[in-house]
Amino acid sequence: MNNISVIVFDLGKVLIDFDYDITREKLNSVEENLGDNFLKYYQNNYEIHRKFERGELSEDEFVEKMLKVLNNKVDKEFFCNAYSDIFTVNQKVVELLPVLMKNYQLVLLSNTDPIHRKYGWGKYDFLKYFDKLILSYEAVSVKPEEKIYKEVEKYTIKQPDEHFFTDDIQEYIDGAKKRGWDAVQFTGYESLKEELVKRKIILNGAIP
């Protein structure tokens, strides 16, 4: 019998998918290759975004840097929308949330930034099922740093082994396991459901 009382979900590539090609196309519509050049820079200088996710760069500082890369061909509003309108909901996984919330604390643990929240995923209704959102830019820490997992425990007031976590990135799963959490890499809805059934978090046949 497991000891789990908290279920922790990653956001990107688990509850929602994202596609930066949408950003590329929107920027390319302003000027030829503008989006291609931006995405190349963004991917080659990911440490800038990681600082933004960690809360080490303010929204204004990040936007200023990105607009400079874009040769100021767009304004802040256009950039923020193009940068954030990239998400789609993974409906099957989201449908697990109202079932799980009946018996478990639900926590969202995401490496994210305030622009993506404000202009992108923050509008989604499924967020209401979570007891708490632990977001990297607010926690001033990113997965797989120990501090961000401790932030979850500080909220739940539960022992490490009472937490079950799923994330699409194995490195972040390993970080959770180091804390003593039960954690599995997310590879799809069916495999997640199997892991939940295996732990008797949901009953086999209870969810189609």
N, C-alpha and C. Protein backbone atom coordinates (compact mmCIF):
# COMPACT_ATOMS: atom_id res chain seq x y z
N MET A 1 0.87 -1.21 0.00
CA MET A 1 0.00 0.00 0.00
C MET A 1 0.89 1.24 0.00
N ASN A 2 0.59 2.18 -0.90
CA ASN A 2 1.43 3.38 -0.95
C ASN A 2 1.00 4.39 0.11
N ASN A 3 1.88 5.36 0.28
CA ASN A 3 1.69 6.38 1.31
C ASN A 3 1.33 7.72 0.68
N ILE A 4 0.94 7.73 -0.58
CA ILE A 4 0.80 8.97 -1.35
C ILE A 4 -0.45 9.75 -0.93
N SER A 5 -0.24 11.04 -0.68
CA SER A 5 -1.36 11.93 -0.37
C SER A 5 -1.35 13.18 -1.25
N VAL A 6 -0.26 13.36 -2.01
CA VAL A 6 -0.11 14.54 -2.87
C VAL A 6 0.28 14.09 -4.27
N ILE A 7 -0.39 14.63 -5.28
CA ILE A 7 -0.01 14.35 -6.67
C ILE A 7 0.44 15.66 -7.31
N VAL A 8 1.64 15.62 -7.85
CA VAL A 8 2.28 16.81 -8.41
C VAL A 8 2.42 16.62 -9.92
N PHE A 9 1.89 17.59 -10.66
CA PHE A 9 1.95 17.55 -12.12
C PHE A 9 2.87 18.63 -12.65
N ASP A 10 3.67 18.27 -13.63
CA ASP A 10 4.32 19.26 -14.49
C ASP A 10 3.25 19.85 -15.40
N LEU A 11 3.55 20.98 -16.02
CA LEU A 11 2.59 21.63 -16.91
C LEU A 11 2.88 21.34 -18.38
N GLY A 12 3.99 21.88 -18.89
CA GLY A 12 4.30 21.76 -20.32
C GLY A 12 4.63 20.34 -20.75
N LYS A 13 4.02 19.90 -21.82
CA LYS A 13 4.17 18.56 -22.39
C LYS A 13 3.53 17.47 -21.53
N VAL A 14 2.79 17.88 -20.48
CA VAL A 14 2.03 16.93 -19.68
C VAL A 14 0.55 17.33 -19.72
N LEU A 15 0.23 18.46 -19.11
CA LEU A 15 -1.16 18.96 -19.14
C LEU A 15 -1.44 19.80 -20.38
N ILE A 16 -0.40 20.45 -20.87
CA ILE A 16 -0.54 21.21 -22.12
C ILE A 16 0.64 20.91 -23.03
N ASP A 17 0.41 21.02 -24.32
CA ASP A 17 1.49 20.91 -25.29
C ASP A 17 1.83 22.32 -25.74
N PHE A 18 2.98 22.49 -26.38
CA PHE A 18 3.32 23.80 -26.92
C PHE A 18 4.14 23.65 -28.20
N ASP A 19 4.09 24.68 -29.02
CA ASP A 19 4.74 24.62 -30.33
C ASP A 19 5.28 26.00 -30.69
N TYR A 20 6.59 26.16 -30.61
CA TYR A 20 7.20 27.45 -30.91
C TYR A 20 7.21 27.78 -32.40
N ASP A 21 6.82 26.83 -33.24
CA ASP A 21 6.68 27.14 -34.67
C ASP A 21 5.57 28.17 -34.88
N ILE A 22 4.62 28.22 -33.97
CA ILE A 22 3.54 29.22 -34.04
C ILE A 22 4.15 30.61 -33.86
N THR A 23 5.06 30.72 -32.89
CA THR A 23 5.78 31.99 -32.68
C THR A 23 6.56 32.36 -33.93
N ARG A 24 7.27 31.40 -34.48
CA ARG A 24 8.07 31.63 -35.68
C ARG A 24 7.21 32.18 -36.82
N GLU A 25 6.07 31.54 -37.06
CA GLU A 25 5.20 31.95 -38.17
C GLU A 25 4.65 33.36 -37.96
N LYS A 26 4.26 33.68 -36.72
CA LYS A 26 3.70 35.01 -36.45
C LYS A 26 4.75 36.10 -36.67
N LEU A 27 5.97 35.82 -36.25
CA LEU A 27 7.04 36.81 -36.44
C LEU A 27 7.48 36.88 -37.90
N ASN A 28 7.47 35.73 -38.59
CA ASN A 28 7.80 35.74 -40.03
C ASN A 28 6.78 36.53 -40.83
N SER A 29 5.54 36.61 -40.30
CA SER A 29 4.50 37.37 -41.02
C SER A 29 4.76 38.87 -40.94
N VAL A 30 5.58 39.29 -40.00
CA VAL A 30 5.95 40.71 -39.87
C VAL A 30 7.06 41.05 -40.86
N GLU A 31 8.04 40.17 -40.91
CA GLU A 31 9.18 40.36 -41.83
C GLU A 31 9.80 39.01 -42.13
N GLU A 32 10.17 38.80 -43.36
CA GLU A 32 10.74 37.51 -43.77
C GLU A 32 11.94 37.14 -42.89
N ASN A 33 11.91 35.92 -42.40
CA ASN A 33 12.98 35.33 -41.56
C ASN A 33 13.08 35.91 -40.14
N LEU A 34 12.21 36.85 -39.80
CA LEU A 34 12.27 37.43 -38.45
C LEU A 34 12.04 36.36 -37.39
N GLY A 35 11.06 35.50 -37.61
CA GLY A 35 10.77 34.42 -36.68
C GLY A 35 11.85 33.35 -36.67
N ASP A 36 12.38 33.03 -37.86
CA ASP A 36 13.45 32.03 -37.94
C ASP A 36 14.68 32.49 -37.15
N ASN A 37 15.04 33.76 -37.35
CA ASN A 37 16.22 34.30 -36.66
C ASN A 37 15.99 34.39 -35.15
N PHE A 38 14.77 34.76 -34.78
CA PHE A 38 14.47 34.86 -33.35
C PHE A 38 14.56 33.49 -32.69
N LEU A 39 13.94 32.49 -33.30
CA LEU A 39 13.91 31.16 -32.69
C LEU A 39 15.32 30.57 -32.58
N LYS A 40 16.12 30.83 -33.59
CA LYS A 40 17.51 30.36 -33.56
C LYS A 40 18.25 30.99 -32.38
N TYR A 41 18.08 32.29 -32.21
CA TYR A 41 18.72 32.99 -31.09
C TYR A 41 18.18 32.46 -29.76
N TYR A 42 16.89 32.32 -29.67
CA TYR A 42 16.23 31.88 -28.43
C TYR A 42 16.74 30.51 -28.01
N GLN A 43 16.86 29.60 -28.97
CA GLN A 43 17.30 28.24 -28.66
C GLN A 43 18.79 28.18 -28.34
N ASN A 44 19.58 29.02 -29.00
CA ASN A 44 21.03 29.03 -28.78
C ASN A 44 21.43 29.78 -27.52
N ASN A 45 20.52 30.57 -26.99
CA ASN A 45 20.81 31.36 -25.78
C ASN A 45 19.76 31.06 -24.71
N TYR A 46 19.51 29.77 -24.53
CA TYR A 46 18.41 29.38 -23.64
C TYR A 46 18.66 29.79 -22.19
N GLU A 47 19.92 30.06 -21.85
CA GLU A 47 20.21 30.47 -20.48
C GLU A 47 19.51 31.78 -20.13
N ILE A 48 19.19 32.60 -21.15
CA ILE A 48 18.45 33.85 -20.90
C ILE A 48 17.04 33.51 -20.43
N HIS A 49 16.41 32.58 -21.13
CA HIS A 49 15.06 32.17 -20.73
C HIS A 49 15.09 31.46 -19.38
N ARG A 50 16.14 30.69 -19.13
CA ARG A 50 16.24 29.99 -17.85
C ARG A 50 16.35 31.00 -16.70
N LYS A 51 17.08 32.09 -16.91
CA LYS A 51 17.15 33.15 -15.89
C LYS A 51 15.79 33.80 -15.69
N PHE A 52 15.05 33.94 -16.77
CA PHE A 52 13.70 34.51 -16.69
C PHE A 52 12.78 33.58 -15.91
N GLU A 53 12.89 32.29 -16.19
CA GLU A 53 12.09 31.29 -15.47
C GLU A 53 12.45 31.26 -13.98
N ARG A 54 13.72 31.51 -13.68
CA ARG A 54 14.16 31.46 -12.29
C ARG A 54 13.85 32.76 -11.55
N GLY A 55 13.33 33.75 -12.25
CA GLY A 55 13.00 35.02 -11.61
C GLY A 55 14.20 35.94 -11.45
N GLU A 56 15.30 35.61 -12.14
CA GLU A 56 16.50 36.45 -12.07
C GLU A 56 16.45 37.60 -13.06
N LEU A 57 15.57 37.49 -14.05
CA LEU A 57 15.33 38.57 -15.01
C LEU A 57 13.88 39.00 -14.85
N SER A 58 13.63 40.29 -14.83
CA SER A 58 12.25 40.77 -14.75
C SER A 58 11.58 40.65 -16.12
N GLU A 59 10.28 40.76 -16.12
CA GLU A 59 9.53 40.72 -17.38
C GLU A 59 10.03 41.81 -18.33
N ASP A 60 10.20 43.01 -17.82
CA ASP A 60 10.65 44.12 -18.67
C ASP A 60 12.05 43.89 -19.22
N GLU A 61 12.93 43.34 -18.40
CA GLU A 61 14.30 43.05 -18.86
C GLU A 61 14.30 42.00 -19.96
N PHE A 62 13.50 40.94 -19.77
CA PHE A 62 13.42 39.89 -20.77
C PHE A 62 12.86 40.42 -22.08
N VAL A 63 11.76 41.17 -21.99
CA VAL A 63 11.12 41.71 -23.20
C VAL A 63 12.08 42.65 -23.93
N GLU A 64 12.78 43.48 -23.19
CA GLU A 64 13.73 44.42 -23.80
C GLU A 64 14.79 43.67 -24.61
N LYS A 65 15.32 42.59 -24.03
CA LYS A 65 16.32 41.77 -24.72
C LYS A 65 15.74 41.14 -25.99
N MET A 66 14.52 40.61 -25.87
CA MET A 66 13.91 39.93 -27.02
C MET A 66 13.55 40.91 -28.14
N LEU A 67 13.06 42.09 -27.76
CA LEU A 67 12.72 43.09 -28.79
C LEU A 67 13.97 43.56 -29.51
N LYS A 68 15.07 43.61 -28.80
CA LYS A 68 16.35 43.99 -29.43
C LYS A 68 16.75 42.95 -30.47
N VAL A 69 16.57 41.67 -30.11
CA VAL A 69 16.86 40.57 -31.05
C VAL A 69 15.97 40.70 -32.29
N LEU A 70 14.75 41.19 -32.08
CA LEU A 70 13.78 41.36 -33.18
C LEU A 70 13.93 42.72 -33.87
N ASN A 71 15.03 43.41 -33.57
CA ASN A 71 15.28 44.73 -34.17
C ASN A 71 14.12 45.70 -33.97
N ASN A 72 13.40 45.51 -32.87
CA ASN A 72 12.25 46.36 -32.53
C ASN A 72 11.23 46.48 -33.66
N LYS A 73 11.08 45.37 -34.39
CA LYS A 73 10.09 45.34 -35.48
C LYS A 73 8.66 45.15 -34.95
N VAL A 74 8.55 44.72 -33.69
CA VAL A 74 7.24 44.54 -33.06
C VAL A 74 7.26 45.22 -31.70
N ASP A 75 6.07 45.48 -31.15
CA ASP A 75 6.01 46.06 -29.81
C ASP A 75 5.84 44.96 -28.76
N LYS A 76 5.83 45.35 -27.51
CA LYS A 76 5.76 44.37 -26.41
C LYS A 76 4.51 43.50 -26.51
N GLU A 77 3.37 44.12 -26.78
CA GLU A 77 2.10 43.37 -26.82
C GLU A 77 2.13 42.30 -27.91
N PHE A 78 2.62 42.67 -29.08
CA PHE A 78 2.70 41.71 -30.19
C PHE A 78 3.64 40.58 -29.81
N PHE A 79 4.80 40.93 -29.27
CA PHE A 79 5.78 39.90 -28.90
C PHE A 79 5.20 38.95 -27.86
N CYS A 80 4.62 39.49 -26.80
CA CYS A 80 4.11 38.65 -25.70
C CYS A 80 3.04 37.68 -26.20
N ASN A 81 2.19 38.14 -27.09
CA ASN A 81 1.16 37.25 -27.66
C ASN A 81 1.77 36.20 -28.57
N ALA A 82 2.71 36.61 -29.43
CA ALA A 82 3.35 35.65 -30.34
C ALA A 82 4.16 34.61 -29.56
N TYR A 83 4.78 35.04 -28.49
CA TYR A 83 5.63 34.19 -27.66
C TYR A 83 4.80 33.22 -26.80
N SER A 84 3.55 33.59 -26.53
CA SER A 84 2.75 32.83 -25.56
C SER A 84 1.56 32.08 -26.14
N ASP A 85 1.13 32.45 -27.33
CA ASP A 85 -0.06 31.80 -27.91
C ASP A 85 0.35 30.51 -28.60
N ILE A 86 0.93 29.61 -27.83
CA ILE A 86 1.57 28.41 -28.38
C ILE A 86 1.04 27.12 -27.75
N PHE A 87 0.07 27.26 -26.84
CA PHE A 87 -0.33 26.12 -26.01
C PHE A 87 -1.64 25.48 -26.46
N THR A 88 -1.71 24.16 -26.28
CA THR A 88 -2.96 23.42 -26.47
C THR A 88 -3.11 22.44 -25.31
N VAL A 89 -4.34 22.22 -24.89
CA VAL A 89 -4.61 21.38 -23.71
C VAL A 89 -4.56 19.89 -24.07
N ASN A 90 -3.90 19.12 -23.21
CA ASN A 90 -3.90 17.66 -23.30
C ASN A 90 -5.14 17.17 -22.54
N GLN A 91 -6.25 17.11 -23.24
CA GLN A 91 -7.56 16.95 -22.61
C GLN A 91 -7.68 15.68 -21.77
N LYS A 92 -7.13 14.58 -22.26
CA LYS A 92 -7.26 13.30 -21.53
C LYS A 92 -6.60 13.38 -20.15
N VAL A 93 -5.43 14.01 -20.09
CA VAL A 93 -4.74 14.13 -18.80
C VAL A 93 -5.50 15.09 -17.89
N VAL A 94 -5.97 16.18 -18.46
CA VAL A 94 -6.73 17.18 -17.68
C VAL A 94 -7.97 16.54 -17.05
N GLU A 95 -8.58 15.59 -17.74
CA GLU A 95 -9.78 14.94 -17.22
C GLU A 95 -9.51 14.10 -15.97
N LEU A 96 -8.25 13.80 -15.70
CA LEU A 96 -7.91 13.08 -14.47
C LEU A 96 -8.01 13.98 -13.25
N LEU A 97 -7.84 15.28 -13.44
CA LEU A 97 -7.71 16.21 -12.30
C LEU A 97 -8.94 16.23 -11.38
N PRO A 98 -10.17 16.39 -11.91
CA PRO A 98 -11.32 16.42 -11.00
C PRO A 98 -11.54 15.10 -10.27
N VAL A 99 -11.07 14.01 -10.85
CA VAL A 99 -11.17 12.70 -10.18
C VAL A 99 -10.15 12.63 -9.04
N LEU A 100 -8.91 13.02 -9.34
CA LEU A 100 -7.83 12.93 -8.35
C LEU A 100 -8.02 13.89 -7.19
N MET A 101 -8.59 15.06 -7.46
CA MET A 101 -8.71 16.08 -6.41
C MET A 101 -9.63 15.65 -5.27
N LYS A 102 -10.47 14.64 -5.52
CA LYS A 102 -11.40 14.17 -4.48
C LYS A 102 -10.65 13.53 -3.30
N ASN A 103 -9.50 12.93 -3.59
CA ASN A 103 -8.78 12.18 -2.55
C ASN A 103 -7.35 12.62 -2.30
N TYR A 104 -6.85 13.54 -3.13
CA TYR A 104 -5.45 13.93 -3.02
C TYR A 104 -5.30 15.45 -3.12
N GLN A 105 -4.24 15.96 -2.49
CA GLN A 105 -3.83 17.33 -2.75
C GLN A 105 -3.22 17.37 -4.15
N LEU A 106 -3.57 18.35 -4.94
CA LEU A 106 -2.98 18.49 -6.26
C LEU A 106 -2.12 19.74 -6.31
N VAL A 107 -0.90 19.58 -6.80
CA VAL A 107 0.03 20.71 -6.92
C VAL A 107 0.58 20.73 -8.35
N LEU A 108 0.64 21.92 -8.92
CA LEU A 108 1.27 22.12 -10.23
C LEU A 108 2.68 22.62 -9.98
N LEU A 109 3.66 21.97 -10.58
CA LEU A 109 5.06 22.35 -10.42
C LEU A 109 5.66 22.60 -11.80
N SER A 110 5.91 23.88 -12.11
CA SER A 110 6.29 24.21 -13.48
C SER A 110 7.46 25.19 -13.55
N ASN A 111 8.40 24.87 -14.44
CA ASN A 111 9.39 25.86 -14.87
C ASN A 111 8.69 26.72 -15.91
N THR A 112 8.38 27.94 -15.55
CA THR A 112 7.62 28.80 -16.45
C THR A 112 7.98 30.26 -16.18
N ASP A 113 7.36 31.16 -16.91
CA ASP A 113 7.66 32.58 -16.73
C ASP A 113 6.36 33.37 -16.71
N PRO A 114 6.40 34.62 -16.22
CA PRO A 114 5.17 35.40 -16.06
C PRO A 114 4.48 35.77 -17.37
N ILE A 115 5.23 35.86 -18.46
CA ILE A 115 4.60 36.20 -19.75
C ILE A 115 3.79 35.01 -20.25
N HIS A 116 4.37 33.81 -20.18
CA HIS A 116 3.62 32.62 -20.59
C HIS A 116 2.37 32.43 -19.74
N ARG A 117 2.47 32.76 -18.47
CA ARG A 117 1.29 32.64 -17.60
C ARG A 117 0.24 33.67 -17.98
N LYS A 118 0.65 34.91 -18.12
CA LYS A 118 -0.29 36.01 -18.35
C LYS A 118 -0.94 35.96 -19.73
N TYR A 119 -0.14 35.63 -20.73
CA TYR A 119 -0.63 35.68 -22.11
C TYR A 119 -0.97 34.31 -22.69
N GLY A 120 -0.60 33.25 -21.97
CA GLY A 120 -0.79 31.91 -22.53
C GLY A 120 -1.62 30.98 -21.68
N TRP A 121 -0.96 30.17 -20.84
CA TRP A 121 -1.67 29.09 -20.15
C TRP A 121 -2.52 29.53 -18.96
N GLY A 122 -2.31 30.75 -18.47
CA GLY A 122 -3.03 31.20 -17.28
C GLY A 122 -4.54 31.28 -17.42
N LYS A 123 -5.01 31.22 -18.67
CA LYS A 123 -6.46 31.33 -18.92
C LYS A 123 -7.19 30.00 -18.76
N TYR A 124 -6.46 28.90 -18.62
CA TYR A 124 -7.11 27.59 -18.68
C TYR A 124 -7.90 27.28 -17.41
N ASP A 125 -9.10 26.78 -17.62
CA ASP A 125 -10.04 26.50 -16.55
C ASP A 125 -9.57 25.37 -15.63
N PHE A 126 -8.76 24.44 -16.15
CA PHE A 126 -8.37 23.28 -15.34
C PHE A 126 -7.48 23.67 -14.16
N LEU A 127 -6.94 24.87 -14.16
CA LEU A 127 -6.08 25.31 -13.05
C LEU A 127 -6.85 25.34 -11.72
N LYS A 128 -8.17 25.45 -11.81
CA LYS A 128 -8.99 25.52 -10.58
C LYS A 128 -8.92 24.22 -9.77
N TYR A 129 -8.51 23.13 -10.40
CA TYR A 129 -8.44 21.85 -9.68
C TYR A 129 -7.22 21.76 -8.77
N PHE A 130 -6.26 22.64 -8.96
CA PHE A 130 -5.03 22.57 -8.16
C PHE A 130 -5.17 23.34 -6.86
N ASP A 131 -4.66 22.73 -5.80
CA ASP A 131 -4.62 23.41 -4.51
C ASP A 131 -3.57 24.50 -4.51
N LYS A 132 -2.50 24.28 -5.29
CA LYS A 132 -1.39 25.25 -5.30
C LYS A 132 -0.63 25.17 -6.61
N LEU A 133 -0.21 26.33 -7.12
CA LEU A 133 0.70 26.40 -8.27
C LEU A 133 2.06 26.81 -7.74
N ILE A 134 3.05 25.94 -7.91
CA ILE A 134 4.43 26.29 -7.56
C ILE A 134 5.15 26.58 -8.87
N LEU A 135 5.43 27.86 -9.10
CA LEU A 135 5.98 28.31 -10.38
C LEU A 135 7.41 28.80 -10.18
N SER A 136 8.28 28.41 -11.09
CA SER A 136 9.72 28.65 -10.91
C SER A 136 10.06 30.12 -10.69
N TYR A 137 9.43 31.02 -11.46
CA TYR A 137 9.80 32.43 -11.35
C TYR A 137 9.37 33.03 -10.01
N GLU A 138 8.36 32.42 -9.38
CA GLU A 138 7.94 32.87 -8.05
C GLU A 138 8.78 32.21 -6.95
N ALA A 139 9.18 30.96 -7.21
CA ALA A 139 9.98 30.21 -6.23
C ALA A 139 11.46 30.57 -6.29
N VAL A 140 11.85 31.33 -7.32
CA VAL A 140 13.24 31.71 -7.58
C VAL A 140 14.13 30.46 -7.61
N SER A 141 13.61 29.46 -8.30
CA SER A 141 14.30 28.18 -8.41
C SER A 141 13.65 27.38 -9.54
N VAL A 142 14.43 26.56 -10.20
CA VAL A 142 13.88 25.74 -11.29
C VAL A 142 14.17 24.26 -11.04
N LYS A 143 13.30 23.42 -11.57
CA LYS A 143 13.61 21.99 -11.58
C LYS A 143 14.88 21.81 -12.41
N PRO A 144 15.81 20.96 -12.01
CA PRO A 144 15.76 19.97 -10.94
C PRO A 144 16.43 20.43 -9.63
N GLU A 145 16.49 21.74 -9.38
CA GLU A 145 17.12 22.22 -8.15
C GLU A 145 16.28 21.79 -6.94
N GLU A 146 16.97 21.39 -5.89
CA GLU A 146 16.29 20.86 -4.71
C GLU A 146 15.29 21.85 -4.12
N LYS A 147 15.64 23.12 -4.17
CA LYS A 147 14.83 24.16 -3.52
C LYS A 147 13.37 24.13 -3.99
N ILE A 148 13.15 23.91 -5.29
CA ILE A 148 11.78 24.00 -5.81
C ILE A 148 10.92 22.82 -5.33
N TYR A 149 11.53 21.65 -5.15
CA TYR A 149 10.79 20.51 -4.60
C TYR A 149 10.46 20.77 -3.12
N LYS A 150 11.40 21.41 -2.43
CA LYS A 150 11.16 21.76 -1.03
C LYS A 150 10.02 22.76 -0.90
N GLU A 151 9.88 23.64 -1.92
CA GLU A 151 8.78 24.61 -1.91
C GLU A 151 7.43 23.88 -1.92
N VAL A 152 7.37 22.79 -2.68
CA VAL A 152 6.14 21.98 -2.70
C VAL A 152 5.87 21.42 -1.31
N GLU A 153 6.90 20.83 -0.70
CA GLU A 153 6.74 20.22 0.63
C GLU A 153 6.38 21.25 1.69
N LYS A 154 6.93 22.46 1.53
CA LYS A 154 6.60 23.54 2.48
C LYS A 154 5.11 23.84 2.43
N TYR A 155 4.53 23.77 1.23
CA TYR A 155 3.10 24.01 1.10
C TYR A 155 2.28 22.83 1.61
N THR A 156 2.64 21.62 1.18
CA THR A 156 1.80 20.45 1.50
C THR A 156 1.93 20.02 2.96
N ILE A 157 3.07 20.34 3.56
CA ILE A 157 3.39 19.88 4.93
C ILE A 157 3.27 18.35 5.01
N LYS A 158 3.79 17.69 3.98
CA LYS A 158 3.78 16.23 3.93
C LYS A 158 5.22 15.73 3.77
N GLN A 159 5.43 14.50 4.15
CA GLN A 159 6.75 13.88 4.00
C GLN A 159 7.05 13.66 2.51
N PRO A 160 8.34 13.65 2.14
CA PRO A 160 8.70 13.45 0.73
C PRO A 160 8.03 12.23 0.09
N ASP A 161 7.99 11.10 0.82
CA ASP A 161 7.45 9.88 0.21
C ASP A 161 5.93 9.89 0.04
N GLU A 162 5.28 10.98 0.45
CA GLU A 162 3.84 11.12 0.23
C GLU A 162 3.52 11.82 -1.09
N HIS A 163 4.56 12.19 -1.83
CA HIS A 163 4.38 12.93 -3.09
C HIS A 163 4.60 12.00 -4.29
N PHE A 164 3.66 12.03 -5.22
CA PHE A 164 3.82 11.36 -6.52
C PHE A 164 3.92 12.46 -7.58
N PHE A 165 4.91 12.35 -8.46
CA PHE A 165 5.20 13.41 -9.43
C PHE A 165 5.34 12.82 -10.82
N THR A 166 4.78 13.54 -11.82
CA THR A 166 5.01 13.16 -13.21
C THR A 166 5.45 14.38 -14.00
N ASP A 167 6.45 14.18 -14.85
CA ASP A 167 7.06 15.24 -15.66
C ASP A 167 7.61 14.58 -16.91
N ASP A 168 7.63 15.31 -18.01
CA ASP A 168 8.12 14.70 -19.26
C ASP A 168 9.65 14.63 -19.31
N ILE A 169 10.34 15.35 -18.44
CA ILE A 169 11.81 15.41 -18.49
C ILE A 169 12.41 14.54 -17.39
N GLN A 170 13.19 13.55 -17.81
CA GLN A 170 13.73 12.57 -16.86
C GLN A 170 14.60 13.23 -15.79
N GLU A 171 15.35 14.25 -16.17
CA GLU A 171 16.22 14.94 -15.22
C GLU A 171 15.42 15.52 -14.05
N TYR A 172 14.20 15.99 -14.34
CA TYR A 172 13.36 16.56 -13.28
C TYR A 172 12.74 15.47 -12.41
N ILE A 173 12.50 14.32 -13.03
CA ILE A 173 12.03 13.15 -12.28
C ILE A 173 13.13 12.69 -11.32
N ASP A 174 14.37 12.67 -11.82
CA ASP A 174 15.50 12.26 -10.99
C ASP A 174 15.66 13.21 -9.79
N GLY A 175 15.46 14.51 -10.03
CA GLY A 175 15.54 15.49 -8.94
C GLY A 175 14.51 15.23 -7.86
N ALA A 176 13.31 14.84 -8.28
CA ALA A 176 12.24 14.53 -7.32
C ALA A 176 12.57 13.25 -6.54
N LYS A 177 13.11 12.27 -7.23
CA LYS A 177 13.46 11.00 -6.57
C LYS A 177 14.55 11.21 -5.52
N LYS A 178 15.47 12.13 -5.82
CA LYS A 178 16.52 12.44 -4.83
C LYS A 178 15.91 12.98 -3.54
N ARG A 179 14.76 13.65 -3.66
CA ARG A 179 14.08 14.17 -2.48
C ARG A 179 13.29 13.07 -1.75
N GLY A 180 13.19 11.91 -2.40
CA GLY A 180 12.43 10.82 -1.78
C GLY A 180 11.01 10.70 -2.30
N TRP A 181 10.72 11.45 -3.37
CA TRP A 181 9.39 11.36 -3.97
C TRP A 181 9.26 10.11 -4.82
N ASP A 182 8.04 9.66 -5.01
CA ASP A 182 7.72 8.66 -6.03
C ASP A 182 7.48 9.46 -7.31
N ALA A 183 8.18 9.12 -8.38
CA ALA A 183 8.07 9.92 -9.60
C ALA A 183 8.27 9.07 -10.84
N VAL A 184 7.51 9.39 -11.89
CA VAL A 184 7.65 8.67 -13.17
C VAL A 184 7.65 9.68 -14.32
N GLN A 185 8.44 9.36 -15.32
CA GLN A 185 8.48 10.22 -16.51
C GLN A 185 7.17 10.09 -17.28
N PHE A 186 6.62 11.22 -17.70
CA PHE A 186 5.39 11.21 -18.48
C PHE A 186 5.73 10.93 -19.93
N THR A 187 5.13 9.86 -20.47
CA THR A 187 5.33 9.54 -21.89
C THR A 187 4.01 9.51 -22.64
N GLY A 188 2.91 9.67 -21.91
CA GLY A 188 1.60 9.68 -22.54
C GLY A 188 0.51 9.36 -21.54
N TYR A 189 -0.72 9.60 -21.92
CA TYR A 189 -1.86 9.42 -21.02
C TYR A 189 -1.99 7.98 -20.54
N GLU A 190 -1.91 7.03 -21.46
CA GLU A 190 -2.14 5.62 -21.10
C GLU A 190 -1.11 5.12 -20.09
N SER A 191 0.16 5.47 -20.32
CA SER A 191 1.19 5.00 -19.39
C SER A 191 1.04 5.66 -18.02
N LEU A 192 0.63 6.94 -17.99
CA LEU A 192 0.39 7.61 -16.71
C LEU A 192 -0.75 6.92 -15.96
N LYS A 193 -1.81 6.62 -16.70
CA LYS A 193 -2.95 5.95 -16.08
C LYS A 193 -2.54 4.60 -15.48
N GLU A 194 -1.70 3.87 -16.21
CA GLU A 194 -1.20 2.58 -15.70
C GLU A 194 -0.42 2.76 -14.40
N GLU A 195 0.40 3.81 -14.35
CA GLU A 195 1.19 4.08 -13.13
C GLU A 195 0.27 4.44 -11.96
N LEU A 196 -0.80 5.18 -12.24
CA LEU A 196 -1.75 5.55 -11.19
C LEU A 196 -2.53 4.33 -10.69
N VAL A 197 -2.88 3.47 -11.61
CA VAL A 197 -3.59 2.22 -11.25
C VAL A 197 -2.67 1.32 -10.42
N LYS A 198 -1.41 1.22 -10.86
CA LYS A 198 -0.42 0.39 -10.16
C LYS A 198 -0.29 0.79 -8.69
N ARG A 199 -0.42 2.09 -8.44
CA ARG A 199 -0.30 2.60 -7.07
C ARG A 199 -1.66 2.70 -6.36
N LYS A 200 -2.70 2.23 -7.04
CA LYS A 200 -4.07 2.30 -6.51
C LYS A 200 -4.52 3.74 -6.22
N ILE A 201 -3.93 4.67 -6.95
CA ILE A 201 -4.36 6.08 -6.87
C ILE A 201 -5.70 6.23 -7.59
N ILE A 202 -5.82 5.53 -8.71
CA ILE A 202 -7.14 5.36 -9.34
C ILE A 202 -7.38 3.87 -9.51
N LEU A 203 -8.65 3.48 -9.55
CA LEU A 203 -8.98 2.07 -9.71
C LEU A 203 -9.09 1.72 -11.18
N ASN A 204 -8.64 0.53 -11.52
CA ASN A 204 -8.71 0.07 -12.89
C ASN A 204 -10.16 0.04 -13.35
N GLY A 205 -10.45 0.67 -14.47
CA GLY A 205 -11.81 0.71 -14.99
C GLY A 205 -12.59 1.91 -14.50
N ALA A 206 -12.05 2.63 -13.52
CA ALA A 206 -12.76 3.80 -12.99
C ALA A 206 -12.72 4.95 -13.99
N ILE A 207 -11.64 5.00 -14.77
CA ILE A 207 -11.49 6.04 -15.80
C ILE A 207 -11.26 5.36 -17.13
N PRO A 208 -12.05 5.72 -18.16
CA PRO A 208 -11.92 5.04 -19.46
C PRO A 208 -10.58 5.34 -20.13
